Structures are given as C-alpha cells and as structure tokens.
N, C-alpha and C. Protein backbone atom coordinates (compact mmCIF):
# COMPACT_ATOMS: atom_id res chain seq x y z
N MET A 1 0.76 -1.32 -0.01
CA MET A 1 0.04 0.12 0.02
C MET A 1 0.46 0.80 -0.34
N LYS A 2 0.19 2.19 -0.36
CA LYS A 2 0.72 3.61 -0.81
C LYS A 2 1.13 4.58 0.40
N LYS A 3 1.31 5.23 1.17
CA LYS A 3 1.62 5.90 1.91
C LYS A 3 1.34 7.24 1.86
N VAL A 4 -0.25 7.75 2.21
CA VAL A 4 -0.47 9.26 1.85
C VAL A 4 -0.52 10.19 3.24
N LYS A 5 0.31 11.40 2.09
CA LYS A 5 0.74 12.14 3.18
C LYS A 5 -0.68 13.83 3.15
N ILE A 6 -1.36 14.43 4.21
CA ILE A 6 -2.71 14.96 4.59
C ILE A 6 -1.69 16.16 5.06
N THR A 7 -2.22 17.91 4.34
CA THR A 7 -1.74 18.92 4.54
C THR A 7 -2.82 19.32 4.34
N ALA A 8 -2.80 20.46 6.17
CA ALA A 8 -3.56 21.13 5.65
C ALA A 8 -3.19 22.59 5.02
N ILE A 9 -3.64 23.02 4.49
CA ILE A 9 -3.62 24.18 2.86
C ILE A 9 -4.61 25.25 3.23
N ARG A 10 -5.45 25.36 3.94
CA ARG A 10 -5.66 26.75 4.13
C ARG A 10 -7.17 26.02 5.37
N LYS A 11 -7.17 27.38 6.08
CA LYS A 11 -8.54 27.10 7.14
C LYS A 11 -9.17 28.79 7.72
N ALA A 12 -10.17 28.48 6.88
CA ALA A 12 -11.28 29.75 7.25
C ALA A 12 -11.54 29.69 8.48
N ASP A 13 -12.29 30.75 8.27
CA ASP A 13 -12.63 31.16 9.97
C ASP A 13 -14.38 32.44 9.76
N TYR A 14 -15.38 32.12 9.87
CA TYR A 14 -16.29 32.38 8.96
C TYR A 14 -17.20 33.01 10.39
N LYS A 15 -16.44 34.21 11.02
CA LYS A 15 -16.94 34.61 12.12
C LYS A 15 -18.50 35.45 12.01
N ASP A 16 -18.72 35.98 10.73
CA ASP A 16 -20.68 36.68 11.27
C ASP A 16 -21.96 35.46 10.56
N LEU A 17 -21.00 34.54 10.40
CA LEU A 17 -21.59 33.22 10.56
C LEU A 17 -21.75 32.46 12.01
N GLN A 18 -20.87 32.40 12.66
CA GLN A 18 -20.58 32.10 14.03
C GLN A 18 -21.25 32.83 14.87
N ALA A 19 -21.46 34.39 14.83
CA ALA A 19 -22.52 35.35 15.32
C ALA A 19 -23.31 35.00 14.51
N LEU A 20 -23.77 34.73 14.23
CA LEU A 20 -25.60 34.28 13.55
C LEU A 20 -25.88 33.04 14.34
N TYR A 21 -25.12 31.73 13.86
CA TYR A 21 -25.61 30.35 14.70
C TYR A 21 -25.00 29.91 14.99
N GLU A 22 -23.99 30.06 15.47
CA GLU A 22 -22.91 29.19 16.90
C GLU A 22 -23.16 29.54 18.00
N ASN A 23 -23.70 28.74 18.89
CA ASN A 23 -23.13 28.86 20.06
C ASN A 23 -22.23 28.91 20.67
N PRO A 24 -22.08 30.00 21.60
CA PRO A 24 -20.35 30.15 22.24
C PRO A 24 -19.44 28.91 22.21
N ILE A 25 -18.54 28.32 22.17
CA ILE A 25 -17.59 27.24 22.67
C ILE A 25 -16.30 27.90 22.79
N GLU A 26 -15.86 26.96 23.88
CA GLU A 26 -14.17 27.38 24.17
C GLU A 26 -13.49 26.88 23.64
N HIS A 27 -13.64 25.31 22.61
CA HIS A 27 -12.57 24.35 22.23
C HIS A 27 -12.50 24.82 20.86
N THR A 28 -12.41 24.86 20.11
CA THR A 28 -12.01 24.44 18.24
C THR A 28 -11.03 23.95 17.42
N CYS A 29 -11.22 24.46 16.90
CA CYS A 29 -9.86 23.07 16.18
C CYS A 29 -8.33 23.68 16.55
N ASP A 30 -8.07 22.63 16.63
CA ASP A 30 -6.72 23.27 16.69
C ASP A 30 -5.52 22.62 15.22
N VAL A 31 -6.18 22.86 14.46
CA VAL A 31 -5.35 22.02 13.13
C VAL A 31 -4.70 23.85 12.81
N LEU A 32 -3.34 23.82 11.98
CA LEU A 32 -3.26 24.84 11.80
C LEU A 32 -2.43 24.27 9.71
N GLU A 33 -2.73 25.60 9.71
CA GLU A 33 -2.52 25.61 8.22
C GLU A 33 -0.69 25.38 7.59
N GLY A 34 -0.41 24.49 6.97
CA GLY A 34 0.85 23.60 6.93
C GLY A 34 1.32 22.63 7.83
N GLN A 35 0.48 22.25 8.51
CA GLN A 35 0.61 21.10 9.52
C GLN A 35 0.09 19.63 8.72
N SER A 36 1.24 19.03 8.88
CA SER A 36 0.68 17.01 7.60
C SER A 36 1.00 16.41 8.58
N TRP A 37 0.68 15.38 7.79
CA TRP A 37 0.25 13.86 8.61
C TRP A 37 0.43 12.81 7.18
N VAL A 38 0.76 11.66 8.19
CA VAL A 38 1.42 10.80 6.97
C VAL A 38 0.42 9.15 7.82
N SER A 39 -0.37 8.78 6.41
CA SER A 39 -1.48 7.93 6.74
C SER A 39 -0.44 6.38 5.74
N HIS A 40 -0.43 5.81 6.78
CA HIS A 40 -0.17 4.37 6.15
C HIS A 40 -1.15 3.36 6.14
N GLU A 41 -0.92 2.26 5.19
CA GLU A 41 -1.89 1.46 5.00
C GLU A 41 -2.91 1.79 5.28
N GLY A 42 -3.50 3.34 4.62
CA GLY A 42 -4.57 4.05 5.12
C GLY A 42 -5.72 4.44 5.96
N LYS A 43 -4.67 3.99 7.24
CA LYS A 43 -5.07 4.17 8.11
C LYS A 43 -4.42 5.62 8.41
N LYS A 44 -5.97 6.29 10.04
CA LYS A 44 -5.81 7.30 10.01
C LYS A 44 -4.87 7.80 10.98
N PRO A 45 -3.85 8.30 11.19
CA PRO A 45 -2.71 9.13 11.43
C PRO A 45 -2.90 9.94 12.50
N GLU A 46 -2.60 9.34 13.40
CA GLU A 46 -2.67 9.66 15.44
C GLU A 46 -2.17 11.14 14.83
N GLY A 47 -3.18 12.10 15.86
CA GLY A 47 -2.90 13.22 15.76
C GLY A 47 -3.83 14.79 15.58
N LEU A 48 -4.68 13.64 14.01
CA LEU A 48 -5.47 14.15 13.04
C LEU A 48 -6.57 14.20 13.59
N CYS A 49 -7.53 14.96 13.67
CA CYS A 49 -8.79 15.87 14.49
C CYS A 49 -9.85 14.22 13.44
N PRO A 50 -10.59 13.78 14.29
CA PRO A 50 -11.34 12.54 14.10
C PRO A 50 -12.31 13.36 13.15
N GLU A 51 -12.62 14.29 13.57
CA GLU A 51 -13.90 14.65 12.48
C GLU A 51 -13.98 15.12 11.38
N ALA A 52 -12.40 15.30 10.95
CA ALA A 52 -11.52 15.47 9.94
C ALA A 52 -11.62 14.18 8.99
N TRP A 53 -11.70 13.38 9.61
CA TRP A 53 -11.00 11.86 9.22
C TRP A 53 -11.70 11.48 8.48
N LYS A 54 -13.38 11.36 8.75
CA LYS A 54 -14.64 11.73 8.50
C LYS A 54 -14.45 11.30 7.05
N THR A 55 -14.42 12.91 7.24
CA THR A 55 -14.16 13.05 6.12
C THR A 55 -13.84 12.50 4.56
N MET A 56 -12.17 11.94 5.00
CA MET A 56 -11.32 11.75 4.06
C MET A 56 -10.39 10.64 3.63
N ARG A 57 -11.68 10.33 4.61
CA ARG A 57 -10.91 8.26 4.86
C ARG A 57 -11.55 7.78 3.56
N GLU A 58 -12.26 8.08 3.08
CA GLU A 58 -12.44 6.58 1.46
C GLU A 58 -11.53 7.33 1.00
N PHE A 59 -11.31 8.82 0.09
CA PHE A 59 -9.94 9.08 -0.16
C PHE A 59 -8.91 8.51 0.57
N VAL A 60 -8.80 8.83 1.14
CA VAL A 60 -6.82 7.69 1.77
C VAL A 60 -6.54 6.96 1.93
N GLU A 61 -8.22 6.33 2.06
CA GLU A 61 -8.32 4.93 1.76
C GLU A 61 -7.58 4.50 -0.10
N ALA A 62 -8.75 5.67 -0.79
CA ALA A 62 -8.28 4.59 -2.30
C ALA A 62 -7.26 5.24 -2.78
N LEU A 63 -6.59 5.75 -2.67
CA LEU A 63 -4.97 7.07 -2.46
C LEU A 63 -4.71 6.02 -2.24
N ALA A 64 -4.25 4.52 -0.98
CA ALA A 64 -3.58 4.62 -0.36
C ALA A 64 -3.44 2.90 -1.08
N ARG A 65 -4.76 2.38 -1.62
CA ARG A 65 -4.18 1.27 -2.03
C ARG A 65 -4.03 1.33 -3.78
N GLY A 66 -3.43 2.76 -3.95
CA GLY A 66 -3.68 2.93 -5.42
C GLY A 66 -3.92 3.12 -6.70
N GLU A 67 -5.39 3.95 -6.37
CA GLU A 67 -6.25 4.21 -7.18
C GLU A 67 -6.24 5.99 -6.57
N GLY A 68 -6.54 6.40 -8.40
CA GLY A 68 -7.28 8.01 -8.23
C GLY A 68 -7.93 8.78 -8.98
N ASN A 69 -7.74 9.55 -9.82
CA ASN A 69 -8.03 10.26 -11.08
C ASN A 69 -10.27 9.83 -10.13
N PHE A 70 -9.84 10.76 -9.43
CA PHE A 70 -10.93 11.00 -8.48
C PHE A 70 -12.02 11.97 -9.33
N PHE A 71 -13.39 11.89 -9.84
CA PHE A 71 -14.53 12.71 -10.62
C PHE A 71 -14.04 12.85 -11.99
N ASP A 72 -12.86 11.79 -12.49
CA ASP A 72 -13.21 12.21 -14.20
C ASP A 72 -11.97 13.15 -14.72
N GLY A 73 -10.71 13.25 -13.44
CA GLY A 73 -9.56 14.42 -13.71
C GLY A 73 -9.77 15.85 -13.18
N TRP A 74 -10.65 15.33 -11.77
CA TRP A 74 -10.51 17.20 -10.76
C TRP A 74 -9.44 17.02 -10.52
N MET A 75 -8.30 17.04 -10.05
CA MET A 75 -6.97 16.87 -9.94
C MET A 75 -6.27 16.87 -10.91
N GLN A 76 -5.10 18.40 -10.51
CA GLN A 76 -4.03 17.67 -11.68
C GLN A 76 -2.69 17.31 -11.80
N ASN A 77 -2.61 16.54 -9.96
CA ASN A 77 -2.39 15.47 -9.83
C ASN A 77 -3.65 14.27 -9.38
N PRO A 78 -3.75 12.79 -10.55
CA PRO A 78 -4.39 12.76 -10.50
C PRO A 78 -4.56 11.49 -9.07
N TYR A 79 -3.42 11.22 -8.27
CA TYR A 79 -2.97 10.88 -6.85
C TYR A 79 -3.82 11.07 -6.37
N SER A 80 -4.16 12.30 -6.51
CA SER A 80 -4.32 13.39 -4.97
C SER A 80 -5.96 13.82 -5.13
N ALA A 81 -6.13 14.71 -4.11
CA ALA A 81 -7.45 14.58 -3.65
C ALA A 81 -7.61 15.86 -2.76
N MET A 82 -8.86 16.61 -3.11
CA MET A 82 -9.01 17.96 -1.43
C MET A 82 -10.20 18.17 -1.44
N ILE A 83 -9.77 17.67 -0.12
CA ILE A 83 -11.34 17.66 0.91
C ILE A 83 -11.27 18.76 1.92
N SER A 84 -12.19 19.17 2.50
CA SER A 84 -12.38 20.31 3.14
C SER A 84 -13.54 18.85 4.49
N CYS A 85 -13.02 19.47 6.01
CA CYS A 85 -13.78 18.56 6.70
C CYS A 85 -15.48 19.54 7.32
N ASN A 86 -15.77 19.22 7.72
CA ASN A 86 -17.27 19.33 7.94
C ASN A 86 -17.69 20.64 8.35
N ASP A 87 -16.71 21.30 8.68
CA ASP A 87 -16.88 22.43 10.02
C ASP A 87 -17.76 23.84 9.18
N GLY A 88 -18.84 23.49 9.05
CA GLY A 88 -19.14 25.11 8.80
C GLY A 88 -18.84 26.52 9.08
N PHE A 89 -18.27 26.51 9.51
CA PHE A 89 -17.93 27.67 10.97
C PHE A 89 -16.36 28.08 11.03
N ARG A 90 -15.12 27.15 10.35
CA ARG A 90 -14.19 26.69 10.32
C ARG A 90 -13.46 25.80 9.67
N PRO A 91 -13.99 25.78 8.28
CA PRO A 91 -13.04 24.53 7.79
C PRO A 91 -11.84 24.79 7.62
N VAL A 92 -11.17 23.11 7.33
CA VAL A 92 -10.51 23.31 6.72
C VAL A 92 -10.04 22.60 5.50
N SER A 93 -8.97 23.18 4.94
CA SER A 93 -9.65 22.36 3.49
C SER A 93 -7.43 21.72 3.35
N PHE A 94 -7.74 20.19 3.37
CA PHE A 94 -6.92 18.83 3.27
C PHE A 94 -6.29 18.64 1.67
N LEU A 95 -4.96 18.65 1.44
CA LEU A 95 -4.32 17.84 0.08
C LEU A 95 -4.10 17.15 0.85
N LEU A 96 -4.33 16.06 0.24
CA LEU A 96 -3.97 13.89 0.39
C LEU A 96 -3.24 13.67 -0.59
N GLU A 97 -2.38 13.11 -1.09
CA GLU A 97 -1.64 13.05 -1.99
C GLU A 97 -1.02 11.99 -1.24
N THR A 98 -0.89 10.49 -2.93
CA THR A 98 0.39 9.63 -2.37
C THR A 98 1.69 10.11 -2.07
N ILE A 99 2.68 10.11 -1.61
CA ILE A 99 4.05 9.91 -1.22
C ILE A 99 4.87 8.60 -0.80
N GLU A 100 5.66 8.37 -1.85
CA GLU A 100 7.06 7.46 -0.95
C GLU A 100 8.43 8.19 -0.59
N GLU A 101 8.23 6.83 0.79
CA GLU A 101 9.05 7.72 1.94
C GLU A 101 10.45 6.77 1.67
C-alpha cells in the first residue's frame, strides 16, 4: 500500500456565521495551516482530527490502494484530492497525496 500525506492547506474562519448561528464554545479546531500527517496503510494518522478524518477516509483509503483519478480528472495530479472538513464555521481544506518514503 502507498503512504498518503495529508496537509492542511487553508483554514477559514467565518465569524459572521458564528455570530449568527453558533453557540459560544471554548475549544475549536487545533489544526494549523501547513500542518501535515502521513497515513500508513490507509489508517488515520495519530493526532489528526477525528471529524476531519470522517470526511477524507474513503479518499485516503483509495489513494493508499493506488487508486486515483477521482471524478474523471478533477485534480491535476490524479493521485491526490482536496478535501474539506465538515465544520461550516471554520472549515479546513486538506490536500491528500500519495508519497514515496
């Protein structure tokens, strides 16, 4: 199986939506732009947000098996994907790509 690098590319923060719809919370996402993890054998890397993993798991598993070309040529690199977590108030976009180590 291939290793898959997961990199946090961009983190948005929609304060207007938070003010309108979100209940105040003390702890939010800990992910930082540029932070990365490596998935071995399609498994969730330690320290990666479990909720973010839920949105990317199927793509990571497919890339680890050597699959790619999602959605008929969506990505310039067919062995990669750009996936966002499901937090509508502060979503993080993650680049998933197969790597050789």
